[in-house]
Structures are given as structure tokens and as C-alpha cells.
N, C-alpha and C. Protein backbone atom coordinates (compact mmCIF):
# COMPACT_ATOMS: atom_id res chain seq x y z
N UNK A 1 16.62 1.26 50.51
CA UNK A 1 17.32 1.94 49.78
C UNK A 1 16.44 3.15 49.08
N UNK A 2 16.35 4.27 48.86
CA UNK A 2 15.52 4.85 47.69
C UNK A 2 16.32 4.83 46.04
N UNK A 3 15.20 4.67 45.43
CA UNK A 3 15.36 4.91 43.98
C UNK A 3 15.94 6.46 43.63
N UNK A 4 17.21 6.80 42.79
CA UNK A 4 17.66 7.66 42.39
C UNK A 4 16.73 8.27 41.27
N UNK A 5 16.12 9.77 41.98
CA UNK A 5 15.83 10.50 40.90
C UNK A 5 15.88 11.43 39.81
N UNK A 6 15.91 10.75 38.41
CA UNK A 6 16.70 12.14 37.73
C UNK A 6 16.25 13.51 37.61
N UNK A 7 16.54 14.92 37.37
CA UNK A 7 16.34 15.99 37.96
C UNK A 7 15.09 15.83 36.03
N UNK A 8 14.14 16.90 36.76
CA UNK A 8 13.29 17.19 35.77
C UNK A 8 13.41 17.34 34.27
N UNK A 9 14.76 18.13 34.54
CA UNK A 9 15.23 18.52 33.39
C UNK A 9 15.63 17.75 32.40
N UNK A 10 16.27 16.41 32.82
CA UNK A 10 17.23 15.96 32.60
C UNK A 10 15.96 14.69 31.89
N UNK A 11 15.14 14.36 32.84
CA UNK A 11 13.77 13.35 32.43
C UNK A 11 13.23 13.34 31.04
N UNK A 12 12.71 15.35 31.15
CA UNK A 12 12.27 15.80 29.79
C UNK A 12 13.18 15.84 28.63
N UNK A 13 14.52 15.88 29.00
CA UNK A 13 15.25 15.91 27.58
C UNK A 13 14.96 14.47 27.38
N UNK A 14 15.33 13.55 27.55
CA UNK A 14 15.62 12.32 27.57
C UNK A 14 14.17 11.39 26.74
N UNK A 15 13.12 12.26 26.84
CA UNK A 15 11.71 12.35 26.53
C UNK A 15 11.44 12.79 25.32
N UNK A 16 12.10 13.81 25.10
CA UNK A 16 12.16 14.53 23.94
C UNK A 16 13.22 13.81 22.39
N UNK A 17 14.35 13.43 23.08
CA UNK A 17 15.17 12.44 22.35
C UNK A 17 14.37 11.20 22.04
N UNK A 18 13.81 10.77 22.86
CA UNK A 18 12.90 9.65 22.14
C UNK A 18 11.92 10.13 21.77
N UNK A 19 10.92 11.35 21.42
CA UNK A 19 9.93 11.34 20.82
C UNK A 19 10.71 11.61 19.58
N UNK A 20 11.80 12.53 19.04
CA UNK A 20 12.38 13.15 18.08
C UNK A 20 12.74 11.91 16.93
N UNK A 21 13.35 10.58 17.99
CA UNK A 21 14.05 9.96 17.29
C UNK A 21 12.98 8.80 16.74
N UNK A 22 11.85 8.51 17.48
CA UNK A 22 10.80 8.03 16.79
C UNK A 22 10.21 8.86 15.55
N UNK A 23 10.14 9.79 15.93
CA UNK A 23 9.60 10.79 14.55
C UNK A 23 10.64 10.95 13.28
N UNK A 24 11.68 11.01 13.99
CA UNK A 24 12.33 10.67 12.36
C UNK A 24 12.46 9.29 11.57
N UNK A 25 12.37 8.08 12.67
CA UNK A 25 11.66 6.79 11.65
C UNK A 25 10.96 7.25 10.96
N UNK A 26 9.39 7.37 11.39
CA UNK A 26 8.59 8.07 10.20
C UNK A 26 8.55 9.10 8.95
N UNK A 27 9.15 10.19 9.39
CA UNK A 27 9.87 9.98 7.92
C UNK A 27 10.31 9.60 7.31
N UNK A 28 11.44 8.97 7.72
CA UNK A 28 12.12 8.30 6.43
C UNK A 28 11.77 6.80 5.87
N UNK A 29 10.33 6.91 6.16
CA UNK A 29 9.40 5.99 5.54
C UNK A 29 9.32 6.33 4.00
N UNK A 30 9.53 5.80 2.41
CA UNK A 30 9.44 6.39 1.45
C UNK A 30 7.66 6.83 1.20
N UNK A 31 8.10 8.11 0.62
CA UNK A 31 6.82 8.49 -0.26
C UNK A 31 6.24 7.32 -1.48
N UNK A 32 5.25 8.33 -1.76
CA UNK A 32 4.42 7.14 -3.31
C UNK A 32 5.42 7.62 -4.19
N UNK A 33 5.99 9.18 -4.34
CA UNK A 33 6.95 9.40 -5.68
C UNK A 33 7.76 8.50 -5.51
N UNK A 34 8.67 8.47 -4.49
CA UNK A 34 10.19 7.49 -4.59
C UNK A 34 10.22 6.21 -5.49
N UNK A 35 8.51 5.32 -5.50
CA UNK A 35 8.63 4.23 -6.10
C UNK A 35 7.67 3.98 -7.36
N UNK A 36 6.63 5.03 -7.41
CA UNK A 36 5.53 4.98 -8.38
C UNK A 36 5.45 6.01 -8.93
N UNK A 37 4.98 5.80 -10.82
CA UNK A 37 4.74 6.96 -11.24
C UNK A 37 3.32 7.86 -11.54
N UNK A 38 3.21 8.62 -11.04
CA UNK A 38 1.89 9.81 -11.20
C UNK A 38 1.31 9.46 -12.48
N UNK A 39 2.35 9.58 -13.75
CA UNK A 39 2.15 9.99 -14.53
C UNK A 39 1.39 8.28 -15.58
N UNK A 40 1.53 7.53 -14.89
CA UNK A 40 1.18 5.87 -15.57
C UNK A 40 0.20 5.52 -14.50
N UNK A 41 -0.78 5.94 -14.65
CA UNK A 41 -1.69 5.02 -13.66
C UNK A 41 -2.68 3.89 -14.95
N UNK A 42 -3.02 3.06 -13.99
CA UNK A 42 -3.31 2.01 -14.61
C UNK A 42 -4.79 1.08 -13.97
N UNK A 43 -5.15 -0.24 -15.00
CA UNK A 43 -6.48 -0.70 -14.49
C UNK A 43 -5.93 -1.94 -14.33
N UNK A 44 -5.96 -3.21 -13.85
CA UNK A 44 -5.34 -4.19 -13.70
C UNK A 44 -6.83 -5.19 -13.50
N UNK A 45 -7.39 -5.80 -14.32
CA UNK A 45 -8.16 -6.90 -13.96
C UNK A 45 -7.63 -8.15 -13.52
N UNK A 46 -7.47 -9.07 -12.80
CA UNK A 46 -7.25 -10.42 -12.79
C UNK A 46 -7.51 -11.32 -11.47
N UNK A 47 -6.70 -12.27 -11.06
CA UNK A 47 -7.21 -13.24 -10.39
C UNK A 47 -5.92 -13.39 -9.23
N UNK A 48 -7.10 -12.84 -7.98
CA UNK A 48 -6.06 -13.05 -6.64
C UNK A 48 -5.09 -14.24 -6.58
N UNK A 49 -3.76 -14.40 -6.53
CA UNK A 49 -3.02 -15.36 -6.03
C UNK A 49 -2.61 -15.64 -4.76
N UNK A 50 -2.23 -14.45 -4.08
CA UNK A 50 -2.06 -14.63 -2.74
C UNK A 50 -2.20 -13.17 -1.83
N UNK A 51 -2.61 -12.50 -1.02
CA UNK A 51 -2.02 -11.75 -0.24
C UNK A 51 -1.37 -11.54 0.96
N UNK A 52 -0.65 -11.03 1.17
CA UNK A 52 0.38 -10.57 2.16
C UNK A 52 -0.11 -9.59 3.39
N UNK A 53 -0.89 -9.87 4.60
CA UNK A 53 -1.56 -8.90 5.48
C UNK A 53 -0.07 -8.37 6.28
N UNK A 54 0.76 -7.44 5.55
CA UNK A 54 2.19 -7.32 6.47
C UNK A 54 2.19 -6.16 6.84
N UNK A 55 2.80 -5.48 7.88
CA UNK A 55 3.45 -3.98 8.40
C UNK A 55 4.34 -3.85 7.48
N UNK A 56 4.54 -2.08 7.08
CA UNK A 56 3.44 -1.33 7.08
C UNK A 56 2.65 -1.54 6.01
N UNK A 57 3.16 -2.12 5.05
CA UNK A 57 2.45 -2.23 3.34
C UNK A 57 1.86 -3.51 3.19
N UNK A 58 0.21 -3.85 3.21
CA UNK A 58 0.36 -5.34 2.61
C UNK A 58 0.13 -5.16 0.93
N UNK A 59 0.17 -6.74 0.60
CA UNK A 59 0.64 -6.53 -0.79
C UNK A 59 -0.46 -7.85 -0.95
N UNK A 60 -1.29 -6.91 -2.79
CA UNK A 60 -1.93 -8.41 -3.13
C UNK A 60 -1.37 -8.54 -4.63
N UNK A 61 -1.55 -10.30 -4.54
CA UNK A 61 -0.89 -10.09 -6.44
C UNK A 61 -1.80 -11.34 -6.89
N UNK A 62 -1.71 -10.61 -8.62
CA UNK A 62 -3.23 -10.64 -9.35
C UNK A 62 -2.38 -11.26 -10.41
N UNK A 63 -2.92 -12.43 -11.11
CA UNK A 63 -2.33 -12.82 -12.50
C UNK A 63 -3.63 -12.09 -13.42
N UNK A 64 -2.56 -11.18 -14.02
CA UNK A 64 -2.96 -10.52 -15.16
C UNK A 64 -3.12 -10.81 -16.65
N UNK A 65 -3.82 -11.05 -17.25
CA UNK A 65 -4.04 -11.32 -18.77
C UNK A 65 -3.90 -10.12 -19.71
N UNK A 66 -2.75 -10.33 -20.28
CA UNK A 66 -2.73 -9.01 -21.16
C UNK A 66 -3.37 -9.46 -22.87
N UNK A 67 -3.91 -8.31 -23.72
CA UNK A 67 -4.48 -8.52 -24.66
C UNK A 67 -4.13 -9.62 -25.67
N UNK A 68 -2.82 -9.99 -25.86
CA UNK A 68 -1.89 -11.50 -26.35
C UNK A 68 -2.60 -12.22 -25.47
N UNK A 69 -3.21 -12.98 -24.90
CA UNK A 69 -3.49 -13.78 -23.91
C UNK A 69 -2.44 -14.12 -23.00
N UNK A 70 -1.39 -13.56 -22.85
CA UNK A 70 0.06 -13.79 -22.21
C UNK A 70 -0.46 -13.58 -20.77
N UNK A 71 -0.20 -14.56 -19.49
CA UNK A 71 -0.65 -14.09 -18.17
C UNK A 71 0.95 -13.30 -17.31
N UNK A 72 0.69 -12.38 -16.60
CA UNK A 72 1.65 -12.18 -16.02
C UNK A 72 1.33 -11.94 -14.89
N UNK A 73 2.16 -12.28 -13.04
CA UNK A 73 1.66 -12.00 -11.86
C UNK A 73 1.97 -10.28 -11.80
N UNK A 74 1.49 -9.87 -11.63
CA UNK A 74 1.66 -8.27 -10.55
C UNK A 74 1.29 -8.05 -9.32
N UNK A 75 2.46 -7.64 -8.37
CA UNK A 75 1.68 -6.93 -6.54
C UNK A 75 1.53 -6.07 -6.92
N UNK A 76 0.85 -5.48 -5.96
CA UNK A 76 0.77 -4.25 -5.65
C UNK A 76 0.42 -3.93 -4.11
N UNK A 77 0.91 -2.67 -4.45
CA UNK A 77 0.54 -2.06 -2.68
C UNK A 77 -0.31 -1.44 -2.05
N UNK A 78 -0.74 -1.87 -0.91
CA UNK A 78 -1.75 -2.03 -0.61
C UNK A 78 -1.46 -0.68 1.07
N UNK A 79 -2.48 -0.39 1.67
CA UNK A 79 -1.88 0.43 3.03
C UNK A 79 -1.84 -1.04 4.45
N UNK A 80 -2.00 -0.72 5.30
CA UNK A 80 -1.76 -0.94 6.60
C UNK A 80 -3.03 -2.15 6.79
N UNK A 81 -2.74 -3.59 6.96
CA UNK A 81 -4.05 -3.75 7.37
C UNK A 81 -4.86 -3.60 8.38
N UNK A 82 -4.35 -3.14 9.95
CA UNK A 82 -5.37 -2.21 10.23
C UNK A 82 -6.07 -0.85 9.45
N UNK A 83 -5.61 -0.14 8.50
CA UNK A 83 -6.19 0.77 7.75
C UNK A 83 -7.43 0.03 7.19
N UNK A 84 -6.67 -1.16 6.61
CA UNK A 84 -7.89 -1.96 5.42
C UNK A 84 -8.71 -2.33 5.82
N UNK A 85 -8.54 -2.76 7.30
CA UNK A 85 -9.80 -3.51 7.81
C UNK A 85 -11.28 -2.18 8.30
N UNK A 86 -10.39 -1.03 8.93
CA UNK A 86 -11.19 -0.13 9.21
C UNK A 86 -11.96 0.05 8.05
N UNK A 87 -11.41 -0.29 6.71
CA UNK A 87 -12.25 0.23 5.16
C UNK A 87 -13.02 -0.70 5.30
N UNK A 88 -12.95 -1.95 5.65
CA UNK A 88 -14.02 -2.77 5.16
C UNK A 88 -13.45 -3.65 4.55
N UNK A 89 -11.96 -4.14 4.47
CA UNK A 89 -11.58 -5.02 3.77
C UNK A 89 -10.52 -6.21 4.17
N UNK A 90 -10.83 -7.35 4.62
CA UNK A 90 -10.08 -8.38 5.41
C UNK A 90 -9.50 -9.59 4.44
N UNK A 91 -8.65 -10.40 5.27
CA UNK A 91 -8.39 -11.81 4.25
C UNK A 91 -9.52 -12.47 3.84
N UNK A 92 -10.27 -12.24 4.14
CA UNK A 92 -11.68 -13.22 3.86
C UNK A 92 -12.21 -13.07 2.66
N UNK A 93 -11.82 -11.15 2.52
CA UNK A 93 -12.57 -10.47 1.53
C UNK A 93 -11.88 -11.68 -0.36
N UNK A 94 -10.66 -11.31 0.44
CA UNK A 94 -9.62 -11.81 -1.12
C UNK A 94 -8.67 -13.24 -1.08
N UNK A 95 -9.80 -14.62 -1.35
CA UNK A 95 -9.04 -15.39 -1.26
C UNK A 95 -8.89 -15.82 -2.39
N UNK A 96 -7.31 -16.75 -2.53
CA UNK A 96 -7.15 -16.84 -4.11
C UNK A 96 -8.66 -17.32 -5.00
N UNK A 97 -8.01 -16.86 -5.97
CA UNK A 97 -9.11 -17.41 -7.53
C UNK A 97 -10.15 -15.97 -7.49
N UNK A 98 -10.25 -15.56 -6.64
CA UNK A 98 -11.37 -14.07 -6.56
C UNK A 98 -10.82 -13.16 -7.72
N UNK A 99 -11.93 -12.92 -8.71
CA UNK A 99 -11.53 -11.91 -9.39
C UNK A 99 -11.68 -10.51 -9.00
N UNK A 100 -11.01 -9.19 -9.14
CA UNK A 100 -10.79 -8.12 -8.73
C UNK A 100 -9.89 -7.28 -9.70
N UNK A 101 -10.76 -5.55 -9.59
CA UNK A 101 -10.37 -4.67 -10.37
C UNK A 101 -9.52 -3.69 -9.52
N UNK A 102 -8.44 -3.38 -9.97
CA UNK A 102 -7.33 -2.35 -9.25
C UNK A 102 -7.18 -1.09 -9.82
N UNK A 103 -7.34 -0.03 -9.64
CA UNK A 103 -6.61 0.59 -10.07
C UNK A 103 -5.52 1.78 -9.08
N UNK A 104 -4.95 2.02 -9.80
CA UNK A 104 -3.43 2.57 -9.07
C UNK A 104 -2.41 3.06 -9.95
N UNK A 105 -1.00 2.88 -9.70
CA UNK A 105 0.29 3.59 -10.46
C UNK A 105 1.15 2.32 -10.83
N UNK A 106 1.54 2.79 -11.87
CA UNK A 106 2.84 1.88 -12.00
C UNK A 106 3.91 2.31 -11.56
N UNK A 107 4.78 1.25 -11.33
CA UNK A 107 6.21 1.41 -10.69
C UNK A 107 7.35 2.02 -11.92
N UNK A 108 8.30 2.55 -11.29
CA UNK A 108 8.73 3.76 -11.97
C UNK A 108 9.78 2.84 -13.04
N UNK A 109 9.98 1.59 -11.87
CA UNK A 109 11.23 0.37 -12.49
C UNK A 109 10.61 -0.20 -13.95
N UNK A 110 9.18 -0.06 -13.72
CA UNK A 110 8.95 -1.12 -15.58
C UNK A 110 8.57 -2.20 -14.83
N UNK A 111 9.36 -3.32 -13.57
CA UNK A 111 8.80 -4.14 -13.46
C UNK A 111 6.86 -4.31 -13.01
N UNK A 112 6.56 -5.49 -12.93
CA UNK A 112 5.00 -5.90 -12.54
C UNK A 112 4.79 -5.56 -10.98
N UNK A 113 4.88 -4.47 -11.09
CA UNK A 113 4.27 -4.51 -9.49
C UNK A 113 3.51 -2.51 -9.55
N UNK A 114 2.92 -2.14 -8.50
CA UNK A 114 2.17 -1.24 -8.80
C UNK A 114 1.78 -0.32 -7.35
N UNK A 115 1.11 0.33 -7.43
CA UNK A 115 0.99 1.12 -5.99
C UNK A 115 -1.13 1.08 -6.46
N UNK A 116 -1.42 0.39 -5.42
CA UNK A 116 -3.12 0.61 -5.45
C UNK A 116 -3.72 1.50 -5.51
N UNK A 117 -4.42 1.89 -5.60
CA UNK A 117 -5.32 3.38 -5.09
C UNK A 117 -7.00 2.53 -4.82
N UNK A 118 -7.47 1.64 -5.49
CA UNK A 118 -8.47 1.39 -5.07
C UNK A 118 -8.84 -0.38 -5.28
N UNK A 119 -9.26 -1.33 -5.05
CA UNK A 119 -9.78 -2.31 -5.37
C UNK A 119 -10.97 -2.57 -5.85
N UNK A 120 -11.49 -3.07 -7.05
CA UNK A 120 -13.01 -3.35 -6.80
C UNK A 120 -13.48 -4.54 -6.97
N UNK A 121 -14.17 -4.98 -5.62
CA UNK A 121 -14.34 -6.70 -5.24
C UNK A 121 -16.00 -7.52 -6.33
N UNK A 122 -15.48 -8.73 -6.31
CA UNK A 122 -16.67 -8.93 -7.17
C UNK A 122 -18.02 -8.76 -6.65
N UNK A 123 -18.27 -8.20 -5.61
CA UNK A 123 -19.89 -7.84 -5.29
C UNK A 123 -19.86 -6.36 -5.53
N UNK A 124 -18.94 -5.80 -6.37
CA UNK A 124 -19.40 -4.66 -6.59
C UNK A 124 -18.61 -3.69 -5.72
N UNK A 125 -18.29 -3.53 -4.58
CA UNK A 125 -17.85 -2.64 -3.96
C UNK A 125 -16.52 -2.23 -4.09
N UNK A 126 -16.52 -0.63 -4.43
CA UNK A 126 -14.93 -0.54 -4.61
C UNK A 126 -14.32 0.53 -3.13
N UNK A 127 -13.10 -0.42 -2.54
CA UNK A 127 -12.29 -0.07 -1.25
C UNK A 127 -11.00 0.67 -1.78
N UNK A 128 -10.76 1.93 -1.40
CA UNK A 128 -9.69 3.09 -1.17
C UNK A 128 -8.82 1.65 -0.21
N UNK A 129 -7.56 1.18 -0.80
CA UNK A 129 -6.69 0.71 -0.51
C UNK A 129 -5.11 1.68 0.10
N UNK A 130 -4.88 2.57 -1.07
CA UNK A 130 -3.39 3.27 -0.93
C UNK A 130 -3.80 4.34 0.34
N UNK A 131 -2.89 4.29 0.91
CA UNK A 131 -2.57 5.20 2.11
C UNK A 131 -1.43 5.83 2.01
N UNK A 132 -0.78 5.76 1.43
CA UNK A 132 -0.01 7.41 1.26
C UNK A 132 -0.82 8.77 1.00
N UNK A 133 0.13 9.66 1.77
CA UNK A 133 -0.10 10.88 1.73
C UNK A 133 -0.27 12.04 0.76
N UNK A 134 0.91 11.26 -0.44
CA UNK A 134 1.53 11.93 -1.72
C UNK A 134 0.44 11.17 -2.66
N UNK A 135 0.10 10.35 -2.18
CA UNK A 135 -1.01 9.77 -3.71
C UNK A 135 -1.90 10.59 -4.08
N UNK A 136 -1.07 10.57 -5.99
CA UNK A 136 -1.91 11.22 -6.54
C UNK A 136 -3.63 11.23 -7.18
N UNK A 137 -4.53 12.22 -7.70
CA UNK A 137 -6.09 11.86 -8.07
C UNK A 137 -6.12 11.23 -9.27
N UNK A 138 -6.35 10.19 -9.26
CA UNK A 138 -6.11 9.39 -10.96
C UNK A 138 -7.40 10.24 -12.18
N UNK A 139 -6.27 11.37 -12.72
CA UNK A 139 -7.09 12.22 -13.81
C UNK A 139 -6.86 11.81 -15.10
N UNK A 140 -5.66 10.97 -15.18
CA UNK A 140 -5.27 10.09 -16.71
C UNK A 140 -6.59 8.64 -16.59
N UNK A 141 -6.81 8.41 -18.07
CA UNK A 141 -7.26 7.20 -18.25
C UNK A 141 -6.16 6.21 -17.78
N UNK A 142 -6.62 5.16 -17.28
CA UNK A 142 -5.81 4.22 -16.69
C UNK A 142 -5.19 3.53 -17.64
N UNK A 143 -4.01 2.81 -18.13
CA UNK A 143 -3.88 2.06 -19.16
C UNK A 143 -3.74 0.47 -18.67
N UNK A 144 -4.19 -0.67 -19.25
CA UNK A 144 -3.86 -1.70 -19.17
C UNK A 144 -2.32 -2.18 -18.75
N UNK A 145 -2.40 -3.27 -17.54
CA UNK A 145 -0.12 -3.54 -17.87
C UNK A 145 -0.24 -4.40 -18.91
N UNK A 146 1.39 -4.23 -19.19
CA UNK A 146 1.65 -4.96 -20.13
C UNK A 146 2.76 -5.53 -19.74
């Protein structure tokens, strides 16, 4: 018994629909501007409490001490794990207890999370960790998280 072959036009149509469906899913992914405020750059110095190496965005959590001495836990969105690894950042570089500095932007909600553009490690290396295409350049002086 020979398999039934679909006409070439039908095969091409199915392939086109599959491609369009995949592309529309990628377009649905949120942009920087959907959650983060480009007018509120920040600099956070703190101690790593945990890192989530997950797709499509990894997350870094820091205990950040405010000027009044209070400590709050902040979450920072990073790029995808593979992208971070290609830039020289892996799980071993950010164990709990590590002191780091994050430059990024505050959330629009005002909650204790933000978008990380760069992270500076204890050895002095600064690594770009943000991956959003519409991420702004940090032209303003960043504020410390409150």
C-alpha cells in the first residue's frame, strides 16, 4: 500500500499556516514597555537570595538595603538562560549570598521588581543581562530602589 501524497499546494499551505502560527506566538510576547518604566532607571546593590534559570526569562532575586536600614527582596527579569550563558553568565556566577549591582528599570506597578539591563559581579565584570529589543538606553541617573 502506498502512502497518499498531498498535492504540493496543500503541503505548502500547511507549512505556511504553521509558520504564521509560530510567528504570531512570538509576536504575542510582551515588550519592555508593557511592564517596565523607562523613565525610572534604578541601581540596586544587594545580596543574591535566589536565581531562576527559566525560559523565556530568568529571574534574579536580591535582598536590597534601603537608606533607612530596612531590607526588601527585589526580583529582576533577565534574558533567556542560553543568552546569558553565551554572554558568560551561568548558575555558578550567582550563588546565594553573592553581592551584586543591578542597573535596570522599575516596574510600572511600583512593586519590588524590575527589568535588569546589566549586572556587575564581585570580580568587576559587568554583563548585559536584558534581552528586550525595546529596552531603552540608561540616559538618566538611576535611583536606588525604595
